[in-house]
Amino acid sequence: MAEGQQLMEASGRRHVSRKTVLFASLAGVAIGGPLLGMMGFSFLATLTLLLITSPLLILFSPLIFSAACVVGFAFLGFAVAAAMAIAGMSTVTWVYRSLTGRRAVGYHEGAAGKLVEAGGAGKDWTGYLQQENLMSRAKNLFI
């Protein structure tokens, strides 16, 4: 221990003994050697499997492509079916609210964004909305 401390503080520089370098090298070889060997083995195994399966992939590629197309079209069909289900449910909800009289027609900007109920005032609103549209167009022309 004292020998290591004396070697470390000689003339302001840090010195490493030959013994430390030898042990560090042996530890590096002991850890890195098996890792390098496993890397070579896995590379060789991967290359062998690639060479064996390449002809099989070329032979069966039309079958694989058609199977992938079938799976893709199946997913596309499920997506379209889900979209149609959402559209159908929203239509049923809209019809139900229309029949029960709880349907919202639109927003009245003057009433701070309150929804206007459709109790029979729908025809009155068409004239008001047309008049508001003409007035906003006229304002935009003069600005």
N, C-alpha and C. Protein backbone atom coordinates (compact mmCIF):
# COMPACT_ATOMS: atom_id res chain seq x y z
N MET A 1 0.83 -1.19 0.00
CA MET A 1 0.00 0.00 0.00
C MET A 1 0.87 1.24 0.00
N ALA A 2 1.88 1.24 0.87
CA ALA A 2 2.78 2.39 0.96
C ALA A 2 3.58 2.52 -0.33
N GLU A 3 3.90 1.40 -0.95
CA GLU A 3 4.67 1.42 -2.19
C GLU A 3 3.86 2.08 -3.31
N GLY A 4 2.54 1.79 -3.35
CA GLY A 4 1.66 2.40 -4.36
C GLY A 4 1.52 3.89 -4.16
N GLN A 5 1.45 4.36 -2.92
CA GLN A 5 1.32 5.79 -2.65
C GLN A 5 2.60 6.52 -3.01
N GLN A 6 3.74 5.89 -2.79
CA GLN A 6 5.01 6.55 -3.13
C GLN A 6 5.15 6.69 -4.64
N LEU A 7 4.69 5.72 -5.37
CA LEU A 7 4.78 5.78 -6.82
C LEU A 7 3.84 6.82 -7.41
N MET A 8 2.71 7.04 -6.76
CA MET A 8 1.72 7.98 -7.28
C MET A 8 2.18 9.42 -7.15
N GLU A 9 2.94 9.73 -6.14
CA GLU A 9 3.34 11.12 -5.90
C GLU A 9 4.84 11.30 -6.12
N ALA A 10 5.31 11.10 -7.28
CA ALA A 10 6.73 11.34 -7.57
C ALA A 10 6.82 12.48 -8.57
N SER A 11 7.43 13.56 -8.15
CA SER A 11 7.66 14.77 -8.95
C SER A 11 6.37 15.37 -9.51
N GLY A 12 5.28 15.30 -8.82
CA GLY A 12 4.04 15.96 -9.21
C GLY A 12 3.27 15.23 -10.30
N ARG A 13 3.79 14.15 -10.82
CA ARG A 13 3.09 13.39 -11.86
C ARG A 13 2.57 12.09 -11.27
N ARG A 14 1.56 11.58 -11.91
CA ARG A 14 1.00 10.31 -11.45
C ARG A 14 1.63 9.18 -12.24
N HIS A 15 2.25 8.25 -11.58
CA HIS A 15 2.89 7.11 -12.22
C HIS A 15 2.08 5.86 -11.92
N VAL A 16 2.01 5.01 -12.91
CA VAL A 16 1.30 3.75 -12.75
C VAL A 16 2.34 2.65 -12.83
N SER A 17 2.28 1.73 -11.89
CA SER A 17 3.27 0.66 -11.84
C SER A 17 3.01 -0.35 -12.96
N ARG A 18 4.03 -1.12 -13.27
CA ARG A 18 3.92 -2.16 -14.29
C ARG A 18 2.95 -3.25 -13.85
N LYS A 19 2.91 -3.46 -12.58
CA LYS A 19 2.02 -4.48 -12.02
C LYS A 19 0.56 -4.11 -12.27
N THR A 20 0.21 -2.82 -12.09
CA THR A 20 -1.16 -2.35 -12.32
C THR A 20 -1.52 -2.46 -13.79
N VAL A 21 -0.60 -2.11 -14.66
CA VAL A 21 -0.85 -2.21 -16.10
C VAL A 21 -1.05 -3.67 -16.49
N LEU A 22 -0.25 -4.58 -15.94
CA LEU A 22 -0.38 -5.99 -16.26
C LEU A 22 -1.74 -6.54 -15.81
N PHE A 23 -2.16 -6.20 -14.60
CA PHE A 23 -3.46 -6.68 -14.09
C PHE A 23 -4.63 -6.08 -14.89
N ALA A 24 -4.52 -4.81 -15.27
CA ALA A 24 -5.59 -4.19 -16.06
C ALA A 24 -5.68 -4.83 -17.44
N SER A 25 -4.53 -5.16 -18.01
CA SER A 25 -4.53 -5.82 -19.33
C SER A 25 -5.13 -7.21 -19.24
N LEU A 26 -4.77 -7.94 -18.19
CA LEU A 26 -5.35 -9.28 -18.01
C LEU A 26 -6.86 -9.22 -17.79
N ALA A 27 -7.31 -8.23 -17.03
CA ALA A 27 -8.75 -8.08 -16.81
C ALA A 27 -9.46 -7.71 -18.12
N GLY A 28 -8.84 -6.86 -18.92
CA GLY A 28 -9.43 -6.50 -20.21
C GLY A 28 -9.54 -7.68 -21.15
N VAL A 29 -8.49 -8.52 -21.17
CA VAL A 29 -8.53 -9.72 -22.01
C VAL A 29 -9.55 -10.71 -21.48
N ALA A 30 -9.63 -10.85 -20.16
CA ALA A 30 -10.57 -11.80 -19.57
C ALA A 30 -12.02 -11.39 -19.83
N ILE A 31 -12.28 -10.08 -19.88
CA ILE A 31 -13.66 -9.62 -20.13
C ILE A 31 -13.92 -9.49 -21.62
N GLY A 32 -12.98 -8.91 -22.35
CA GLY A 32 -13.20 -8.63 -23.78
C GLY A 32 -13.09 -9.85 -24.66
N GLY A 33 -12.26 -10.82 -24.27
CA GLY A 33 -12.08 -12.03 -25.09
C GLY A 33 -13.37 -12.80 -25.31
N PRO A 34 -14.07 -13.19 -24.23
CA PRO A 34 -15.33 -13.91 -24.42
C PRO A 34 -16.39 -13.07 -25.17
N LEU A 35 -16.39 -11.76 -24.92
CA LEU A 35 -17.35 -10.92 -25.65
C LEU A 35 -17.05 -10.90 -27.14
N LEU A 36 -15.78 -10.83 -27.48
CA LEU A 36 -15.39 -10.85 -28.89
C LEU A 36 -15.71 -12.20 -29.52
N GLY A 37 -15.50 -13.28 -28.77
CA GLY A 37 -15.83 -14.61 -29.27
C GLY A 37 -17.32 -14.78 -29.50
N MET A 38 -18.14 -14.30 -28.57
CA MET A 38 -19.60 -14.40 -28.74
C MET A 38 -20.07 -13.54 -29.91
N MET A 39 -19.43 -12.39 -30.11
CA MET A 39 -19.79 -11.55 -31.24
C MET A 39 -19.49 -12.26 -32.55
N GLY A 40 -18.32 -12.90 -32.64
CA GLY A 40 -17.98 -13.65 -33.85
C GLY A 40 -18.92 -14.82 -34.09
N PHE A 41 -19.27 -15.53 -33.01
CA PHE A 41 -20.20 -16.65 -33.14
C PHE A 41 -21.57 -16.20 -33.62
N SER A 42 -22.09 -15.12 -33.03
CA SER A 42 -23.42 -14.65 -33.44
C SER A 42 -23.40 -14.12 -34.88
N PHE A 43 -22.30 -13.48 -35.30
CA PHE A 43 -22.18 -13.02 -36.68
C PHE A 43 -22.16 -14.21 -37.64
N LEU A 44 -21.40 -15.25 -37.30
CA LEU A 44 -21.30 -16.44 -38.14
C LEU A 44 -22.66 -17.16 -38.23
N ALA A 45 -23.36 -17.26 -37.11
CA ALA A 45 -24.67 -17.92 -37.11
C ALA A 45 -25.68 -17.11 -37.94
N THR A 46 -25.65 -15.80 -37.82
CA THR A 46 -26.56 -14.96 -38.59
C THR A 46 -26.28 -15.08 -40.08
N LEU A 47 -25.02 -15.07 -40.46
CA LEU A 47 -24.65 -15.18 -41.86
C LEU A 47 -25.06 -16.53 -42.43
N THR A 48 -24.88 -17.60 -41.65
CA THR A 48 -25.28 -18.94 -42.10
C THR A 48 -26.79 -19.01 -42.29
N LEU A 49 -27.55 -18.50 -41.34
CA LEU A 49 -29.01 -18.52 -41.48
C LEU A 49 -29.48 -17.68 -42.66
N LEU A 50 -28.82 -16.56 -42.92
CA LEU A 50 -29.18 -15.73 -44.06
C LEU A 50 -28.93 -16.46 -45.37
N LEU A 51 -27.79 -17.15 -45.47
CA LEU A 51 -27.49 -17.89 -46.69
C LEU A 51 -28.44 -19.06 -46.90
N ILE A 52 -28.90 -19.68 -45.83
CA ILE A 52 -29.83 -20.81 -45.96
C ILE A 52 -31.22 -20.32 -46.32
N THR A 53 -31.67 -19.23 -45.72
CA THR A 53 -33.06 -18.79 -45.92
C THR A 53 -33.26 -17.88 -47.12
N SER A 54 -32.20 -17.35 -47.72
CA SER A 54 -32.38 -16.47 -48.88
C SER A 54 -33.08 -17.17 -50.05
N PRO A 55 -32.66 -18.39 -50.45
CA PRO A 55 -33.40 -19.05 -51.54
C PRO A 55 -34.86 -19.34 -51.18
N LEU A 56 -35.09 -19.67 -49.91
CA LEU A 56 -36.47 -19.93 -49.50
C LEU A 56 -37.32 -18.66 -49.58
N LEU A 57 -36.74 -17.54 -49.22
CA LEU A 57 -37.46 -16.27 -49.30
C LEU A 57 -37.78 -15.94 -50.75
N ILE A 58 -36.83 -16.19 -51.64
CA ILE A 58 -37.08 -15.90 -53.06
C ILE A 58 -38.15 -16.84 -53.61
N LEU A 59 -38.12 -18.11 -53.21
CA LEU A 59 -39.12 -19.07 -53.71
C LEU A 59 -40.53 -18.75 -53.20
N PHE A 60 -40.64 -18.37 -51.94
CA PHE A 60 -41.96 -18.19 -51.34
C PHE A 60 -42.40 -16.73 -51.29
N SER A 61 -41.68 -15.81 -51.94
CA SER A 61 -42.05 -14.40 -51.87
C SER A 61 -43.43 -14.10 -52.46
N PRO A 62 -43.86 -14.75 -53.56
CA PRO A 62 -45.22 -14.46 -54.03
C PRO A 62 -46.29 -14.86 -53.01
N LEU A 63 -46.07 -15.96 -52.34
CA LEU A 63 -47.02 -16.40 -51.32
C LEU A 63 -47.01 -15.45 -50.13
N ILE A 64 -45.82 -15.02 -49.72
CA ILE A 64 -45.70 -14.10 -48.58
C ILE A 64 -46.32 -12.76 -48.92
N PHE A 65 -46.09 -12.28 -50.17
CA PHE A 65 -46.66 -10.99 -50.58
C PHE A 65 -48.17 -11.06 -50.61
N SER A 66 -48.73 -12.13 -51.15
CA SER A 66 -50.19 -12.24 -51.21
C SER A 66 -50.79 -12.37 -49.80
N ALA A 67 -50.10 -13.07 -48.92
CA ALA A 67 -50.59 -13.17 -47.55
C ALA A 67 -50.54 -11.81 -46.86
N ALA A 68 -49.49 -11.04 -47.12
CA ALA A 68 -49.40 -9.70 -46.54
C ALA A 68 -50.51 -8.80 -47.09
N CYS A 69 -50.83 -8.94 -48.37
CA CYS A 69 -51.92 -8.15 -48.96
C CYS A 69 -53.26 -8.52 -48.32
N VAL A 70 -53.48 -9.81 -48.10
CA VAL A 70 -54.73 -10.24 -47.47
C VAL A 70 -54.85 -9.67 -46.06
N VAL A 71 -53.77 -9.71 -45.30
CA VAL A 71 -53.79 -9.16 -43.94
C VAL A 71 -54.01 -7.65 -43.98
N GLY A 72 -53.36 -6.97 -44.91
CA GLY A 72 -53.53 -5.53 -45.04
C GLY A 72 -54.95 -5.15 -45.40
N PHE A 73 -55.54 -5.87 -46.35
CA PHE A 73 -56.93 -5.59 -46.73
C PHE A 73 -57.90 -5.92 -45.60
N ALA A 74 -57.58 -6.93 -44.81
CA ALA A 74 -58.43 -7.25 -43.66
C ALA A 74 -58.42 -6.11 -42.65
N PHE A 75 -57.21 -5.56 -42.37
CA PHE A 75 -57.13 -4.41 -41.46
C PHE A 75 -57.84 -3.20 -42.03
N LEU A 76 -57.72 -3.00 -43.34
CA LEU A 76 -58.42 -1.89 -43.98
C LEU A 76 -59.93 -2.06 -43.86
N GLY A 77 -60.40 -3.29 -44.03
CA GLY A 77 -61.83 -3.56 -43.88
C GLY A 77 -62.31 -3.30 -42.46
N PHE A 78 -61.52 -3.69 -41.47
CA PHE A 78 -61.90 -3.41 -40.09
C PHE A 78 -61.93 -1.92 -39.82
N ALA A 79 -60.99 -1.17 -40.40
CA ALA A 79 -60.98 0.28 -40.21
C ALA A 79 -62.21 0.93 -40.85
N VAL A 80 -62.58 0.48 -42.04
CA VAL A 80 -63.77 1.02 -42.70
C VAL A 80 -65.02 0.65 -41.91
N ALA A 81 -65.07 -0.58 -41.40
CA ALA A 81 -66.22 -1.00 -40.60
C ALA A 81 -66.34 -0.17 -39.33
N ALA A 82 -65.21 0.14 -38.70
CA ALA A 82 -65.24 0.97 -37.49
C ALA A 82 -65.71 2.38 -37.82
N ALA A 83 -65.25 2.92 -38.94
CA ALA A 83 -65.69 4.27 -39.34
C ALA A 83 -67.19 4.29 -39.63
N MET A 84 -67.68 3.24 -40.28
CA MET A 84 -69.11 3.17 -40.58
C MET A 84 -69.92 2.98 -39.30
N ALA A 85 -69.39 2.24 -38.34
CA ALA A 85 -70.09 2.07 -37.07
C ALA A 85 -70.19 3.38 -36.32
N ILE A 86 -69.12 4.15 -36.33
CA ILE A 86 -69.15 5.46 -35.67
C ILE A 86 -70.14 6.39 -36.37
N ALA A 87 -70.12 6.37 -37.71
CA ALA A 87 -71.07 7.21 -38.46
C ALA A 87 -72.51 6.77 -38.19
N GLY A 88 -72.74 5.46 -38.13
CA GLY A 88 -74.09 4.96 -37.86
C GLY A 88 -74.58 5.32 -36.47
N MET A 89 -73.72 5.18 -35.48
CA MET A 89 -74.11 5.52 -34.11
C MET A 89 -74.38 7.02 -33.97
N SER A 90 -73.56 7.83 -34.64
CA SER A 90 -73.82 9.27 -34.55
C SER A 90 -75.11 9.64 -35.27
N THR A 91 -75.44 8.94 -36.35
CA THR A 91 -76.70 9.19 -37.05
C THR A 91 -77.89 8.78 -36.20
N VAL A 92 -77.79 7.63 -35.56
CA VAL A 92 -78.88 7.18 -34.68
C VAL A 92 -79.06 8.17 -33.53
N THR A 93 -77.98 8.65 -32.96
CA THR A 93 -78.06 9.63 -31.88
C THR A 93 -78.69 10.92 -32.37
N TRP A 94 -78.30 11.35 -33.57
CA TRP A 94 -78.85 12.58 -34.15
C TRP A 94 -80.35 12.44 -34.39
N VAL A 95 -80.79 11.28 -34.92
CA VAL A 95 -82.22 11.07 -35.17
C VAL A 95 -82.99 11.01 -33.86
N TYR A 96 -82.43 10.34 -32.86
CA TYR A 96 -83.10 10.26 -31.55
C TYR A 96 -83.27 11.65 -30.95
N ARG A 97 -82.22 12.45 -30.98
CA ARG A 97 -82.33 13.80 -30.44
C ARG A 97 -83.29 14.65 -31.25
N SER A 98 -83.36 14.40 -32.55
CA SER A 98 -84.27 15.15 -33.39
C SER A 98 -85.73 14.80 -33.06
N LEU A 99 -85.98 13.52 -32.81
CA LEU A 99 -87.35 13.10 -32.50
C LEU A 99 -87.79 13.52 -31.10
N THR A 100 -86.86 13.58 -30.16
CA THR A 100 -87.23 13.97 -28.81
C THR A 100 -87.23 15.48 -28.61
N GLY A 101 -86.77 16.22 -29.61
CA GLY A 101 -86.80 17.68 -29.52
C GLY A 101 -85.65 18.28 -28.76
N ARG A 102 -84.58 17.56 -28.58
CA ARG A 102 -83.43 18.09 -27.84
C ARG A 102 -82.25 18.30 -28.79
N ARG A 103 -82.51 18.84 -29.94
CA ARG A 103 -81.46 19.03 -30.93
C ARG A 103 -81.02 20.48 -30.94
N ALA A 104 -79.75 20.69 -31.01
CA ALA A 104 -79.23 22.05 -31.06
C ALA A 104 -79.14 22.50 -32.51
N VAL A 105 -79.63 23.71 -32.77
CA VAL A 105 -79.61 24.24 -34.13
C VAL A 105 -78.31 24.97 -34.40
N GLY A 106 -77.90 25.86 -33.53
CA GLY A 106 -76.68 26.61 -33.78
C GLY A 106 -76.41 27.56 -32.64
N TYR A 107 -75.43 28.38 -32.82
CA TYR A 107 -75.06 29.34 -31.81
C TYR A 107 -75.62 30.71 -32.16
N HIS A 108 -76.06 31.42 -31.16
CA HIS A 108 -76.46 32.81 -31.32
C HIS A 108 -75.33 33.63 -30.72
N GLU A 109 -74.61 34.35 -31.58
CA GLU A 109 -73.42 35.04 -31.11
C GLU A 109 -73.76 36.15 -30.13
N GLY A 110 -74.94 36.73 -30.24
CA GLY A 110 -75.29 37.82 -29.34
C GLY A 110 -75.63 37.34 -27.94
N ALA A 111 -75.95 36.09 -27.79
CA ALA A 111 -76.33 35.56 -26.48
C ALA A 111 -75.16 34.85 -25.81
N ALA A 112 -73.96 35.27 -26.08
CA ALA A 112 -72.73 34.76 -25.45
C ALA A 112 -72.56 33.27 -25.69
N GLY A 113 -72.87 32.81 -26.89
CA GLY A 113 -72.59 31.43 -27.27
C GLY A 113 -73.56 30.41 -26.72
N LYS A 114 -74.76 30.79 -26.32
CA LYS A 114 -75.73 29.81 -25.82
C LYS A 114 -76.30 29.03 -26.99
N LEU A 115 -76.58 27.76 -26.76
CA LEU A 115 -77.21 26.96 -27.80
C LEU A 115 -78.69 27.30 -27.88
N VAL A 116 -79.18 27.32 -29.09
CA VAL A 116 -80.59 27.62 -29.32
C VAL A 116 -81.31 26.31 -29.54
N GLU A 117 -82.35 26.05 -28.78
CA GLU A 117 -83.11 24.83 -28.91
C GLU A 117 -83.99 24.89 -30.16
N ALA A 118 -84.29 23.73 -30.75
CA ALA A 118 -84.99 23.68 -32.04
C ALA A 118 -86.49 23.55 -31.89
N GLY A 119 -87.04 24.09 -30.90
CA GLY A 119 -88.45 23.90 -30.63
C GLY A 119 -89.40 24.44 -31.68
N GLY A 120 -89.10 24.92 -32.79
CA GLY A 120 -90.01 25.51 -33.75
C GLY A 120 -89.52 26.87 -34.17
N ALA A 121 -88.43 27.28 -33.58
CA ALA A 121 -87.87 28.57 -33.92
C ALA A 121 -86.86 28.44 -35.04
N GLY A 122 -86.78 27.29 -35.69
CA GLY A 122 -85.80 27.08 -36.75
C GLY A 122 -86.04 27.97 -37.95
N LYS A 123 -87.31 28.16 -38.31
CA LYS A 123 -87.61 28.99 -39.48
C LYS A 123 -87.31 30.46 -39.19
N ASP A 124 -87.49 30.90 -37.97
CA ASP A 124 -87.19 32.29 -37.63
C ASP A 124 -85.69 32.57 -37.71
N TRP A 125 -84.90 31.57 -37.40
CA TRP A 125 -83.46 31.77 -37.38
C TRP A 125 -82.88 31.91 -38.77
N THR A 126 -83.51 31.33 -39.79
CA THR A 126 -82.93 31.40 -41.13
C THR A 126 -82.87 32.84 -41.62
N GLY A 127 -83.91 33.59 -41.39
CA GLY A 127 -83.90 34.99 -41.80
C GLY A 127 -82.86 35.78 -41.03
N TYR A 128 -82.76 35.52 -39.74
CA TYR A 128 -81.79 36.24 -38.90
C TYR A 128 -80.36 35.95 -39.36
N LEU A 129 -80.07 34.66 -39.63
CA LEU A 129 -78.73 34.30 -40.05
C LEU A 129 -78.38 34.89 -41.39
N GLN A 130 -79.35 34.92 -42.32
CA GLN A 130 -79.08 35.53 -43.62
C GLN A 130 -78.79 37.03 -43.45
N GLN A 131 -79.56 37.69 -42.58
CA GLN A 131 -79.36 39.11 -42.36
C GLN A 131 -78.00 39.36 -41.73
N GLU A 132 -77.60 38.53 -40.75
CA GLU A 132 -76.29 38.69 -40.11
C GLU A 132 -75.17 38.47 -41.12
N ASN A 133 -75.33 37.50 -42.04
CA ASN A 133 -74.32 37.21 -43.03
C ASN A 133 -74.15 38.39 -43.97
N LEU A 134 -75.27 39.00 -44.41
CA LEU A 134 -75.20 40.16 -45.29
C LEU A 134 -74.57 41.34 -44.58
N MET A 135 -74.88 41.52 -43.29
CA MET A 135 -74.31 42.64 -42.55
C MET A 135 -72.81 42.46 -42.35
N SER A 136 -72.37 41.23 -42.09
CA SER A 136 -70.93 41.02 -41.91
C SER A 136 -70.19 41.20 -43.22
N ARG A 137 -70.80 40.84 -44.34
CA ARG A 137 -70.16 41.07 -45.64
C ARG A 137 -70.06 42.56 -45.91
N ALA A 138 -71.11 43.30 -45.57
CA ALA A 138 -71.07 44.74 -45.80
C ALA A 138 -70.00 45.40 -44.94
N LYS A 139 -69.84 44.95 -43.70
CA LYS A 139 -68.81 45.50 -42.84
C LYS A 139 -67.42 45.22 -43.41
N ASN A 140 -67.22 44.03 -43.96
CA ASN A 140 -65.91 43.67 -44.51
C ASN A 140 -65.59 44.49 -45.75
N LEU A 141 -66.61 44.93 -46.49
CA LEU A 141 -66.35 45.73 -47.69
C LEU A 141 -65.87 47.12 -47.31
N PHE A 142 -66.37 47.67 -46.23
CA PHE A 142 -66.02 49.04 -45.87
C PHE A 142 -64.79 49.13 -44.99
N ILE A 143 -64.27 48.01 -44.52
CA ILE A 143 -63.08 48.05 -43.64
C ILE A 143 -61.82 47.99 -44.47
